[in-house]
Amino acid sequence: MGLGHAFEPDHLIAVSQLVARRDSTLLAVKDGLYWGLGHTTMLVVLGSVILFGKLTLLSGGYFEVLVGLVLVGMGLGRLTNRANFVPTRTARSPHAWAYAIGLLHGLAGSGVLVLAVLGELRNPWLALAYILVFGLGSVVGMFGAAGLMHIPFTRRMRLSRALTGSVVAVSSLLSIGYGGWMVYEHLWSNG
């Protein structure tokens, strides 16, 4: 289940923005790995707080709005900086950025996941074990997705600078559009 979760649109769009910065597939899949680890860290931490502290989190979609704003920011940053159209071996942002984006996505989804798990499992330890397995699946899924999404940016596949620029522009516009839709959906469409 966590493996499939890694392929949700907002996750793929965020990681596509991360891996497009890289000229090395190894660095790109490390970004996917760190994103998955950040996502899982937040799921486990907040999941534990909810499970063992018997706490609830806001269900108003505020964390999803934050994810949407970050997607818009990532897309705008990538689209407006000409240097971002050329992948480099030493991208300005280290893997910590991928980890932080993963943490944010985990924050947005942790409450819903825990509630879904608690609907099936009443034992908090079993629920936490499920969250860990789910998180491991998302790490593996995002590791693989990052490798696949990086293919257009590898040296062998890069046919021209214009094609690379087009891929960056399209992925940036998708990030802006999907992020904007998330913000609208969670702030204005239900209220």
N, C-alpha and C. Protein backbone atom coordinates (compact mmCIF):
# COMPACT_ATOMS: atom_id res chain seq x y z
N MET A 1 0.82 -1.19 0.00
CA MET A 1 0.00 0.00 0.00
C MET A 1 0.87 1.27 0.00
N GLY A 2 1.93 1.27 0.77
CA GLY A 2 2.82 2.43 0.80
C GLY A 2 3.54 2.62 -0.52
N LEU A 3 3.81 1.50 -1.21
CA LEU A 3 4.46 1.57 -2.52
C LEU A 3 3.58 2.35 -3.50
N GLY A 4 2.30 2.06 -3.52
CA GLY A 4 1.37 2.78 -4.39
C GLY A 4 1.19 4.22 -3.95
N HIS A 5 1.25 4.45 -2.65
CA HIS A 5 1.09 5.80 -2.10
C HIS A 5 2.18 6.74 -2.63
N ALA A 6 3.36 6.19 -2.88
CA ALA A 6 4.47 7.00 -3.40
C ALA A 6 4.14 7.60 -4.76
N PHE A 7 3.19 7.01 -5.46
CA PHE A 7 2.88 7.44 -6.82
C PHE A 7 1.68 8.39 -6.88
N GLU A 8 1.31 8.99 -5.75
CA GLU A 8 0.25 10.00 -5.76
C GLU A 8 0.78 11.25 -6.47
N PRO A 9 -0.11 11.98 -7.16
CA PRO A 9 0.35 13.10 -7.99
C PRO A 9 1.21 14.13 -7.27
N ASP A 10 0.80 14.56 -6.07
CA ASP A 10 1.59 15.59 -5.39
C ASP A 10 2.97 15.09 -5.01
N HIS A 11 3.10 13.81 -4.70
CA HIS A 11 4.40 13.24 -4.37
C HIS A 11 5.29 13.20 -5.62
N LEU A 12 4.74 12.70 -6.71
CA LEU A 12 5.52 12.61 -7.95
C LEU A 12 5.94 13.99 -8.46
N ILE A 13 5.05 14.94 -8.36
CA ILE A 13 5.38 16.29 -8.83
C ILE A 13 6.50 16.90 -7.99
N ALA A 14 6.42 16.74 -6.68
CA ALA A 14 7.48 17.28 -5.80
C ALA A 14 8.82 16.63 -6.11
N VAL A 15 8.83 15.31 -6.23
CA VAL A 15 10.10 14.62 -6.47
C VAL A 15 10.62 14.91 -7.88
N SER A 16 9.72 15.12 -8.84
CA SER A 16 10.20 15.46 -10.19
C SER A 16 10.96 16.78 -10.16
N GLN A 17 10.51 17.71 -9.33
CA GLN A 17 11.21 18.99 -9.20
C GLN A 17 12.58 18.80 -8.56
N LEU A 18 12.68 17.83 -7.66
CA LEU A 18 13.96 17.57 -7.00
C LEU A 18 14.94 16.87 -7.93
N VAL A 19 14.49 15.82 -8.62
CA VAL A 19 15.43 15.03 -9.42
C VAL A 19 15.85 15.74 -10.70
N ALA A 20 15.06 16.67 -11.17
CA ALA A 20 15.41 17.40 -12.39
C ALA A 20 16.65 18.26 -12.19
N ARG A 21 17.02 18.52 -10.94
CA ARG A 21 18.21 19.33 -10.65
C ARG A 21 19.49 18.53 -10.84
N ARG A 22 19.37 17.23 -10.97
CA ARG A 22 20.54 16.35 -10.91
C ARG A 22 21.00 15.88 -12.27
N ASP A 23 22.31 15.78 -12.43
CA ASP A 23 22.89 15.22 -13.64
C ASP A 23 23.25 13.75 -13.41
N SER A 24 23.24 13.33 -12.19
CA SER A 24 23.61 11.97 -11.81
C SER A 24 22.38 11.21 -11.34
N THR A 25 22.17 10.02 -11.91
CA THR A 25 21.04 9.19 -11.48
C THR A 25 21.20 8.80 -10.02
N LEU A 26 22.42 8.55 -9.58
CA LEU A 26 22.64 8.19 -8.18
C LEU A 26 22.17 9.31 -7.25
N LEU A 27 22.51 10.54 -7.57
CA LEU A 27 22.06 11.66 -6.74
C LEU A 27 20.54 11.82 -6.81
N ALA A 28 19.96 11.56 -7.97
CA ALA A 28 18.50 11.67 -8.12
C ALA A 28 17.78 10.63 -7.27
N VAL A 29 18.26 9.37 -7.31
CA VAL A 29 17.57 8.35 -6.51
C VAL A 29 17.81 8.57 -5.02
N LYS A 30 18.94 9.18 -4.68
CA LYS A 30 19.15 9.55 -3.27
C LYS A 30 18.13 10.60 -2.84
N ASP A 31 17.80 11.54 -3.74
CA ASP A 31 16.74 12.51 -3.42
C ASP A 31 15.43 11.78 -3.17
N GLY A 32 15.11 10.80 -4.01
CA GLY A 32 13.89 10.00 -3.80
C GLY A 32 13.93 9.26 -2.49
N LEU A 33 15.09 8.69 -2.16
CA LEU A 33 15.26 7.98 -0.90
C LEU A 33 15.07 8.91 0.29
N TYR A 34 15.70 10.07 0.25
CA TYR A 34 15.58 11.03 1.36
C TYR A 34 14.16 11.58 1.47
N TRP A 35 13.49 11.80 0.34
CA TRP A 35 12.09 12.23 0.38
C TRP A 35 11.26 11.16 1.10
N GLY A 36 11.46 9.90 0.71
CA GLY A 36 10.72 8.80 1.34
C GLY A 36 11.02 8.68 2.82
N LEU A 37 12.28 8.86 3.20
CA LEU A 37 12.64 8.80 4.62
C LEU A 37 12.00 9.95 5.40
N GLY A 38 11.98 11.14 4.82
CA GLY A 38 11.32 12.27 5.49
C GLY A 38 9.84 12.02 5.66
N HIS A 39 9.21 11.51 4.62
CA HIS A 39 7.77 11.20 4.65
C HIS A 39 7.49 10.17 5.74
N THR A 40 8.29 9.12 5.78
CA THR A 40 8.10 8.06 6.77
C THR A 40 8.38 8.55 8.18
N THR A 41 9.41 9.37 8.34
CA THR A 41 9.72 9.92 9.67
C THR A 41 8.51 10.65 10.24
N MET A 42 7.90 11.50 9.43
CA MET A 42 6.75 12.27 9.92
C MET A 42 5.56 11.36 10.19
N LEU A 43 5.34 10.37 9.32
CA LEU A 43 4.23 9.43 9.56
C LEU A 43 4.41 8.72 10.90
N VAL A 44 5.63 8.27 11.18
CA VAL A 44 5.89 7.53 12.42
C VAL A 44 5.80 8.45 13.63
N VAL A 45 6.40 9.63 13.55
CA VAL A 45 6.39 10.56 14.69
C VAL A 45 4.96 11.01 15.01
N LEU A 46 4.28 11.56 14.02
CA LEU A 46 2.91 12.03 14.29
C LEU A 46 1.96 10.86 14.53
N GLY A 47 2.18 9.77 13.82
CA GLY A 47 1.36 8.58 14.06
C GLY A 47 1.48 8.11 15.49
N SER A 48 2.70 8.11 16.03
CA SER A 48 2.91 7.71 17.43
C SER A 48 2.22 8.67 18.39
N VAL A 49 2.34 9.97 18.11
CA VAL A 49 1.68 10.97 18.97
C VAL A 49 0.17 10.75 18.97
N ILE A 50 -0.39 10.52 17.79
CA ILE A 50 -1.84 10.31 17.69
C ILE A 50 -2.25 9.00 18.34
N LEU A 51 -1.49 7.93 18.06
CA LEU A 51 -1.85 6.60 18.57
C LEU A 51 -1.70 6.49 20.08
N PHE A 52 -0.57 6.95 20.60
CA PHE A 52 -0.28 6.74 22.02
C PHE A 52 -0.69 7.93 22.88
N GLY A 53 -0.81 9.10 22.29
CA GLY A 53 -1.23 10.27 23.04
C GLY A 53 -2.72 10.52 22.93
N LYS A 54 -3.37 9.69 22.12
CA LYS A 54 -4.83 9.81 21.92
C LYS A 54 -5.21 11.23 21.49
N LEU A 55 -4.35 11.83 20.67
CA LEU A 55 -4.58 13.20 20.21
C LEU A 55 -5.18 13.18 18.81
N THR A 56 -5.82 14.26 18.46
CA THR A 56 -6.31 14.42 17.10
C THR A 56 -5.67 15.68 16.51
N LEU A 57 -5.57 15.70 15.21
CA LEU A 57 -5.01 16.86 14.52
C LEU A 57 -6.12 17.57 13.78
N LEU A 58 -5.85 18.80 13.42
CA LEU A 58 -6.82 19.55 12.62
C LEU A 58 -7.12 18.78 11.34
N SER A 59 -8.37 18.72 10.99
CA SER A 59 -8.73 18.01 9.77
C SER A 59 -9.18 18.97 8.68
N GLY A 60 -8.83 20.23 8.80
CA GLY A 60 -9.28 21.22 7.85
C GLY A 60 -8.48 21.28 6.57
N GLY A 61 -7.48 20.45 6.40
CA GLY A 61 -6.69 20.46 5.18
C GLY A 61 -5.60 21.50 5.16
N TYR A 62 -5.26 22.06 6.32
CA TYR A 62 -4.24 23.12 6.36
C TYR A 62 -2.86 22.63 5.93
N PHE A 63 -2.53 21.39 6.29
CA PHE A 63 -1.23 20.87 5.89
C PHE A 63 -1.18 20.64 4.38
N GLU A 64 -2.32 20.22 3.80
CA GLU A 64 -2.39 20.05 2.36
C GLU A 64 -2.24 21.39 1.64
N VAL A 65 -2.77 22.46 2.23
CA VAL A 65 -2.60 23.80 1.67
C VAL A 65 -1.11 24.16 1.66
N LEU A 66 -0.43 23.84 2.75
CA LEU A 66 1.01 24.11 2.82
C LEU A 66 1.76 23.33 1.75
N VAL A 67 1.40 22.06 1.55
CA VAL A 67 2.02 21.26 0.49
C VAL A 67 1.76 21.93 -0.87
N GLY A 68 0.54 22.37 -1.10
CA GLY A 68 0.22 23.05 -2.36
C GLY A 68 1.05 24.30 -2.57
N LEU A 69 1.20 25.09 -1.52
CA LEU A 69 2.02 26.31 -1.62
C LEU A 69 3.48 25.99 -1.91
N VAL A 70 3.99 24.92 -1.30
CA VAL A 70 5.37 24.52 -1.56
C VAL A 70 5.52 24.06 -3.01
N LEU A 71 4.54 23.31 -3.52
CA LEU A 71 4.60 22.88 -4.92
C LEU A 71 4.60 24.09 -5.86
N VAL A 72 3.77 25.08 -5.57
CA VAL A 72 3.75 26.30 -6.38
C VAL A 72 5.12 26.98 -6.30
N GLY A 73 5.66 27.10 -5.10
CA GLY A 73 6.97 27.72 -4.92
C GLY A 73 8.09 26.98 -5.64
N MET A 74 8.06 25.64 -5.56
CA MET A 74 9.08 24.85 -6.25
C MET A 74 8.99 25.05 -7.76
N GLY A 75 7.77 25.03 -8.27
CA GLY A 75 7.58 25.22 -9.71
C GLY A 75 8.01 26.60 -10.17
N LEU A 76 7.62 27.63 -9.41
CA LEU A 76 8.00 29.00 -9.76
C LEU A 76 9.52 29.18 -9.68
N GLY A 77 10.12 28.64 -8.63
CA GLY A 77 11.57 28.76 -8.48
C GLY A 77 12.32 28.10 -9.62
N ARG A 78 11.84 26.95 -10.02
CA ARG A 78 12.48 26.22 -11.11
C ARG A 78 12.23 26.92 -12.45
N LEU A 79 11.06 27.45 -12.64
CA LEU A 79 10.68 28.08 -13.91
C LEU A 79 11.36 29.43 -14.11
N THR A 80 11.58 30.17 -13.05
CA THR A 80 12.12 31.53 -13.19
C THR A 80 13.64 31.61 -13.11
N ASN A 81 14.30 30.53 -12.75
CA ASN A 81 15.76 30.54 -12.64
C ASN A 81 16.34 29.79 -13.83
N ARG A 82 16.94 30.50 -14.76
CA ARG A 82 17.48 29.88 -15.98
C ARG A 82 18.51 28.80 -15.66
N ALA A 83 19.27 28.96 -14.60
CA ALA A 83 20.28 27.96 -14.25
C ALA A 83 19.64 26.62 -13.92
N ASN A 84 18.38 26.63 -13.50
CA ASN A 84 17.70 25.38 -13.16
C ASN A 84 17.36 24.53 -14.37
N PHE A 85 17.51 25.07 -15.58
CA PHE A 85 17.18 24.30 -16.77
C PHE A 85 18.31 23.37 -17.17
N VAL A 86 19.43 23.45 -16.48
CA VAL A 86 20.56 22.58 -16.76
C VAL A 86 20.88 21.80 -15.49
N PRO A 87 20.63 20.47 -15.49
CA PRO A 87 20.95 19.69 -14.29
C PRO A 87 22.45 19.75 -14.00
N THR A 88 22.78 19.77 -12.73
CA THR A 88 24.18 19.83 -12.34
C THR A 88 24.48 18.75 -11.32
N ARG A 89 25.75 18.38 -11.28
CA ARG A 89 26.17 17.36 -10.32
C ARG A 89 26.06 17.90 -8.89
N THR A 90 26.33 19.16 -8.71
CA THR A 90 26.27 19.75 -7.38
C THR A 90 25.13 20.77 -7.33
N ALA A 91 23.94 20.27 -7.17
CA ALA A 91 22.79 21.17 -7.07
C ALA A 91 22.93 22.00 -5.81
N ARG A 92 22.34 23.20 -5.85
CA ARG A 92 22.45 24.11 -4.71
C ARG A 92 21.91 23.50 -3.43
N SER A 93 20.87 22.72 -3.53
CA SER A 93 20.23 22.17 -2.34
C SER A 93 20.70 20.74 -2.11
N PRO A 94 21.15 20.43 -0.91
CA PRO A 94 21.56 19.06 -0.62
C PRO A 94 20.35 18.16 -0.44
N HIS A 95 20.60 16.92 -0.10
CA HIS A 95 19.51 15.96 0.11
C HIS A 95 18.63 16.36 1.28
N ALA A 96 19.10 17.25 2.13
CA ALA A 96 18.27 17.72 3.25
C ALA A 96 17.00 18.38 2.75
N TRP A 97 17.06 19.02 1.59
CA TRP A 97 15.87 19.65 1.01
C TRP A 97 14.85 18.57 0.65
N ALA A 98 15.31 17.48 0.05
CA ALA A 98 14.41 16.37 -0.29
C ALA A 98 13.79 15.79 0.98
N TYR A 99 14.60 15.66 2.03
CA TYR A 99 14.10 15.14 3.30
C TYR A 99 13.03 16.08 3.87
N ALA A 100 13.28 17.38 3.81
CA ALA A 100 12.32 18.36 4.34
C ALA A 100 11.00 18.34 3.56
N ILE A 101 11.07 18.20 2.25
CA ILE A 101 9.85 18.13 1.44
C ILE A 101 9.09 16.85 1.78
N GLY A 102 9.81 15.76 2.01
CA GLY A 102 9.17 14.51 2.44
C GLY A 102 8.50 14.65 3.80
N LEU A 103 9.17 15.35 4.73
CA LEU A 103 8.56 15.61 6.04
C LEU A 103 7.23 16.34 5.89
N LEU A 104 7.22 17.34 5.04
CA LEU A 104 6.00 18.13 4.84
C LEU A 104 4.88 17.26 4.27
N HIS A 105 5.19 16.44 3.29
CA HIS A 105 4.16 15.56 2.72
C HIS A 105 3.68 14.54 3.76
N GLY A 106 4.58 14.07 4.60
CA GLY A 106 4.18 13.15 5.67
C GLY A 106 3.27 13.84 6.68
N LEU A 107 3.55 15.10 6.96
CA LEU A 107 2.71 15.88 7.87
C LEU A 107 1.30 15.99 7.32
N ALA A 108 1.19 16.23 6.03
CA ALA A 108 -0.13 16.40 5.41
C ALA A 108 -0.94 15.10 5.42
N GLY A 109 -0.29 13.96 5.35
CA GLY A 109 -1.04 12.71 5.24
C GLY A 109 -1.11 11.86 6.48
N SER A 110 -0.40 12.24 7.54
CA SER A 110 -0.30 11.36 8.70
C SER A 110 -1.61 11.17 9.44
N GLY A 111 -2.37 12.22 9.64
CA GLY A 111 -3.63 12.10 10.38
C GLY A 111 -4.61 11.18 9.69
N VAL A 112 -4.73 11.34 8.38
CA VAL A 112 -5.66 10.51 7.61
C VAL A 112 -5.22 9.06 7.65
N LEU A 113 -3.92 8.81 7.50
CA LEU A 113 -3.41 7.44 7.54
C LEU A 113 -3.70 6.78 8.87
N VAL A 114 -3.41 7.48 9.96
CA VAL A 114 -3.62 6.92 11.29
C VAL A 114 -5.09 6.62 11.52
N LEU A 115 -5.97 7.52 11.13
CA LEU A 115 -7.40 7.27 11.29
C LEU A 115 -7.84 6.06 10.48
N ALA A 116 -7.31 5.91 9.27
CA ALA A 116 -7.66 4.75 8.45
C ALA A 116 -7.16 3.46 9.09
N VAL A 117 -5.94 3.49 9.63
CA VAL A 117 -5.38 2.30 10.27
C VAL A 117 -6.15 1.96 11.53
N LEU A 118 -6.49 2.97 12.32
CA LEU A 118 -7.24 2.72 13.55
C LEU A 118 -8.63 2.17 13.28
N GLY A 119 -9.17 2.47 12.10
CA GLY A 119 -10.46 1.90 11.73
C GLY A 119 -10.38 0.39 11.57
N GLU A 120 -9.19 -0.11 11.26
CA GLU A 120 -8.99 -1.54 11.06
C GLU A 120 -8.31 -2.22 12.25
N LEU A 121 -7.38 -1.53 12.87
CA LEU A 121 -6.58 -2.12 13.95
C LEU A 121 -6.76 -1.30 15.23
N ARG A 122 -7.25 -1.93 16.25
CA ARG A 122 -7.45 -1.22 17.53
C ARG A 122 -6.19 -1.19 18.39
N ASN A 123 -5.28 -2.12 18.18
CA ASN A 123 -4.05 -2.18 18.95
C ASN A 123 -3.07 -1.13 18.41
N PRO A 124 -2.65 -0.16 19.24
CA PRO A 124 -1.76 0.90 18.74
C PRO A 124 -0.41 0.38 18.26
N TRP A 125 0.10 -0.71 18.86
CA TRP A 125 1.39 -1.25 18.43
C TRP A 125 1.28 -1.87 17.04
N LEU A 126 0.19 -2.57 16.79
CA LEU A 126 -0.03 -3.12 15.44
C LEU A 126 -0.22 -1.99 14.43
N ALA A 127 -0.92 -0.95 14.85
CA ALA A 127 -1.14 0.20 13.97
C ALA A 127 0.20 0.86 13.64
N LEU A 128 1.08 1.00 14.64
CA LEU A 128 2.39 1.60 14.40
C LEU A 128 3.23 0.72 13.48
N ALA A 129 3.16 -0.60 13.68
CA ALA A 129 3.88 -1.52 12.79
C ALA A 129 3.38 -1.37 11.35
N TYR A 130 2.08 -1.23 11.20
CA TYR A 130 1.51 -1.03 9.86
C TYR A 130 2.04 0.27 9.25
N ILE A 131 2.08 1.33 10.04
CA ILE A 131 2.58 2.62 9.55
C ILE A 131 4.04 2.49 9.11
N LEU A 132 4.84 1.74 9.88
CA LEU A 132 6.25 1.53 9.51
C LEU A 132 6.37 0.78 8.18
N VAL A 133 5.58 -0.27 8.02
CA VAL A 133 5.62 -1.03 6.76
C VAL A 133 5.13 -0.16 5.61
N PHE A 134 4.08 0.60 5.85
CA PHE A 134 3.56 1.54 4.86
C PHE A 134 4.66 2.53 4.47
N GLY A 135 5.35 3.07 5.46
CA GLY A 135 6.43 4.02 5.21
C GLY A 135 7.56 3.41 4.42
N LEU A 136 7.92 2.18 4.75
CA LEU A 136 8.98 1.49 4.01
C LEU A 136 8.57 1.34 2.54
N GLY A 137 7.31 1.01 2.31
CA GLY A 137 6.82 0.91 0.94
C GLY A 137 6.91 2.23 0.21
N SER A 138 6.62 3.33 0.90
CA SER A 138 6.71 4.64 0.24
C SER A 138 8.16 5.02 -0.03
N VAL A 139 9.09 4.60 0.83
CA VAL A 139 10.52 4.86 0.58
C VAL A 139 10.97 4.12 -0.68
N VAL A 140 10.62 2.83 -0.75
CA VAL A 140 11.00 2.03 -1.92
C VAL A 140 10.35 2.58 -3.19
N GLY A 141 9.08 2.92 -3.09
CA GLY A 141 8.37 3.46 -4.25
C GLY A 141 8.96 4.76 -4.74
N MET A 142 9.29 5.66 -3.84
CA MET A 142 9.84 6.95 -4.26
C MET A 142 11.27 6.82 -4.76
N PHE A 143 12.02 5.88 -4.22
CA PHE A 143 13.36 5.59 -4.71
C PHE A 143 13.27 5.18 -6.19
N GLY A 144 12.36 4.26 -6.48
CA GLY A 144 12.17 3.81 -7.87
C GLY A 144 11.61 4.90 -8.76
N ALA A 145 10.64 5.64 -8.26
CA ALA A 145 10.03 6.71 -9.05
C ALA A 145 11.06 7.78 -9.39
N ALA A 146 11.93 8.11 -8.44
CA ALA A 146 12.96 9.12 -8.69
C ALA A 146 13.89 8.67 -9.81
N GLY A 147 14.25 7.40 -9.79
CA GLY A 147 15.10 6.87 -10.86
C GLY A 147 14.43 6.95 -12.22
N LEU A 148 13.15 6.59 -12.27
CA LEU A 148 12.41 6.64 -13.53
C LEU A 148 12.22 8.07 -14.02
N MET A 149 11.89 8.97 -13.09
CA MET A 149 11.66 10.36 -13.49
C MET A 149 12.94 11.07 -13.91
N HIS A 150 14.08 10.53 -13.50
CA HIS A 150 15.34 11.17 -13.84
C HIS A 150 15.81 10.81 -15.25
N ILE A 151 15.24 9.78 -15.86
CA ILE A 151 15.70 9.32 -17.17
C ILE A 151 15.82 10.44 -18.20
N PRO A 152 14.84 11.35 -18.33
CA PRO A 152 15.00 12.41 -19.33
C PRO A 152 16.18 13.35 -19.06
N PHE A 153 16.73 13.31 -17.85
CA PHE A 153 17.80 14.23 -17.49
C PHE A 153 19.18 13.57 -17.50
N THR A 154 19.24 12.28 -17.85
CA THR A 154 20.54 11.62 -17.90
C THR A 154 21.28 12.07 -19.15
N ARG A 155 22.59 11.95 -19.12
CA ARG A 155 23.40 12.41 -20.24
C ARG A 155 23.05 11.69 -21.54
N ARG A 156 22.78 10.41 -21.45
CA ARG A 156 22.48 9.63 -22.66
C ARG A 156 21.14 10.02 -23.28
N MET A 157 20.17 10.35 -22.44
CA MET A 157 18.83 10.65 -22.93
C MET A 157 18.67 12.12 -23.32
N ARG A 158 19.56 12.97 -22.86
CA ARG A 158 19.42 14.39 -23.15
C ARG A 158 19.74 14.64 -24.62
N LEU A 159 18.71 14.83 -25.42
CA LEU A 159 18.89 15.02 -26.85
C LEU A 159 19.32 16.43 -27.18
N SER A 160 18.77 17.37 -26.48
CA SER A 160 19.14 18.76 -26.74
C SER A 160 18.82 19.59 -25.52
N ARG A 161 19.46 20.72 -25.46
CA ARG A 161 19.19 21.64 -24.36
C ARG A 161 17.75 22.14 -24.40
N ALA A 162 17.23 22.32 -25.60
CA ALA A 162 15.84 22.79 -25.75
C ALA A 162 14.86 21.76 -25.22
N LEU A 163 15.13 20.48 -25.50
CA LEU A 163 14.24 19.42 -25.00
C LEU A 163 14.29 19.36 -23.48
N THR A 164 15.49 19.46 -22.92
CA THR A 164 15.63 19.47 -21.46
C THR A 164 14.87 20.65 -20.87
N GLY A 165 15.02 21.81 -21.48
CA GLY A 165 14.31 23.00 -21.02
C GLY A 165 12.80 22.83 -21.10
N SER A 166 12.34 22.15 -22.15
CA SER A 166 10.90 21.91 -22.29
C SER A 166 10.38 20.99 -21.19
N VAL A 167 11.14 19.95 -20.88
CA VAL A 167 10.73 19.02 -19.81
C VAL A 167 10.68 19.76 -18.48
N VAL A 168 11.68 20.60 -18.21
CA VAL A 168 11.70 21.38 -16.97
C VAL A 168 10.50 22.33 -16.93
N ALA A 169 10.23 23.00 -18.04
CA ALA A 169 9.10 23.94 -18.08
C ALA A 169 7.78 23.23 -17.84
N VAL A 170 7.57 22.10 -18.50
CA VAL A 170 6.32 21.35 -18.32
C VAL A 170 6.18 20.87 -16.88
N SER A 171 7.25 20.30 -16.32
CA SER A 171 7.15 19.81 -14.94
C SER A 171 6.93 20.97 -13.97
N SER A 172 7.54 22.11 -14.24
CA SER A 172 7.34 23.28 -13.38
C SER A 172 5.90 23.78 -13.45
N LEU A 173 5.35 23.84 -14.66
CA LEU A 173 3.96 24.28 -14.82
C LEU A 173 2.99 23.30 -14.16
N LEU A 174 3.29 22.00 -14.26
CA LEU A 174 2.47 21.00 -13.56
C LEU A 174 2.52 21.22 -12.05
N SER A 175 3.71 21.51 -11.54
CA SER A 175 3.87 21.76 -10.12
C SER A 175 3.06 22.98 -9.69
N ILE A 176 3.14 24.04 -10.45
CA ILE A 176 2.39 25.26 -10.13
C ILE A 176 0.89 25.00 -10.22
N GLY A 177 0.46 24.36 -11.28
CA GLY A 177 -0.97 24.10 -11.47
C GLY A 177 -1.55 23.17 -10.43
N TYR A 178 -0.86 22.06 -10.16
CA TYR A 178 -1.38 21.11 -9.19
C TYR A 178 -1.34 21.70 -7.78
N GLY A 179 -0.25 22.40 -7.46
CA GLY A 179 -0.16 23.06 -6.16
C GLY A 179 -1.26 24.09 -5.98
N GLY A 180 -1.52 24.88 -7.01
CA GLY A 180 -2.61 25.86 -6.96
C GLY A 180 -3.96 25.20 -6.77
N TRP A 181 -4.16 24.08 -7.45
CA TRP A 181 -5.42 23.33 -7.30
C TRP A 181 -5.57 22.82 -5.87
N MET A 182 -4.46 22.32 -5.28
CA MET A 182 -4.53 21.84 -3.89
C MET A 182 -4.93 22.96 -2.95
N VAL A 183 -4.34 24.14 -3.12
CA VAL A 183 -4.68 25.28 -2.27
C VAL A 183 -6.15 25.62 -2.44
N TYR A 184 -6.61 25.73 -3.66
CA TYR A 184 -8.02 26.05 -3.92
C TYR A 184 -8.94 24.99 -3.32
N GLU A 185 -8.62 23.74 -3.57
CA GLU A 185 -9.46 22.63 -3.12
C GLU A 185 -9.63 22.63 -1.60
N HIS A 186 -8.57 22.91 -0.88
CA HIS A 186 -8.63 22.81 0.59
C HIS A 186 -9.03 24.10 1.28
N LEU A 187 -8.95 25.22 0.59
CA LEU A 187 -9.35 26.48 1.22
C LEU A 187 -10.72 26.98 0.79
N TRP A 188 -11.01 26.86 -0.50
CA TRP A 188 -12.21 27.52 -1.00
C TRP A 188 -13.29 26.61 -1.54
N SER A 189 -12.97 25.44 -2.02
CA SER A 189 -14.01 24.64 -2.67
C SER A 189 -14.99 24.02 -1.68
N ASN A 190 -14.56 23.80 -0.45
CA ASN A 190 -15.44 23.18 0.55
C ASN A 190 -16.10 24.20 1.46
N GLY A 191 -15.77 25.45 1.31
CA GLY A 191 -16.30 26.43 2.25
C GLY A 191 -16.95 27.52 1.55
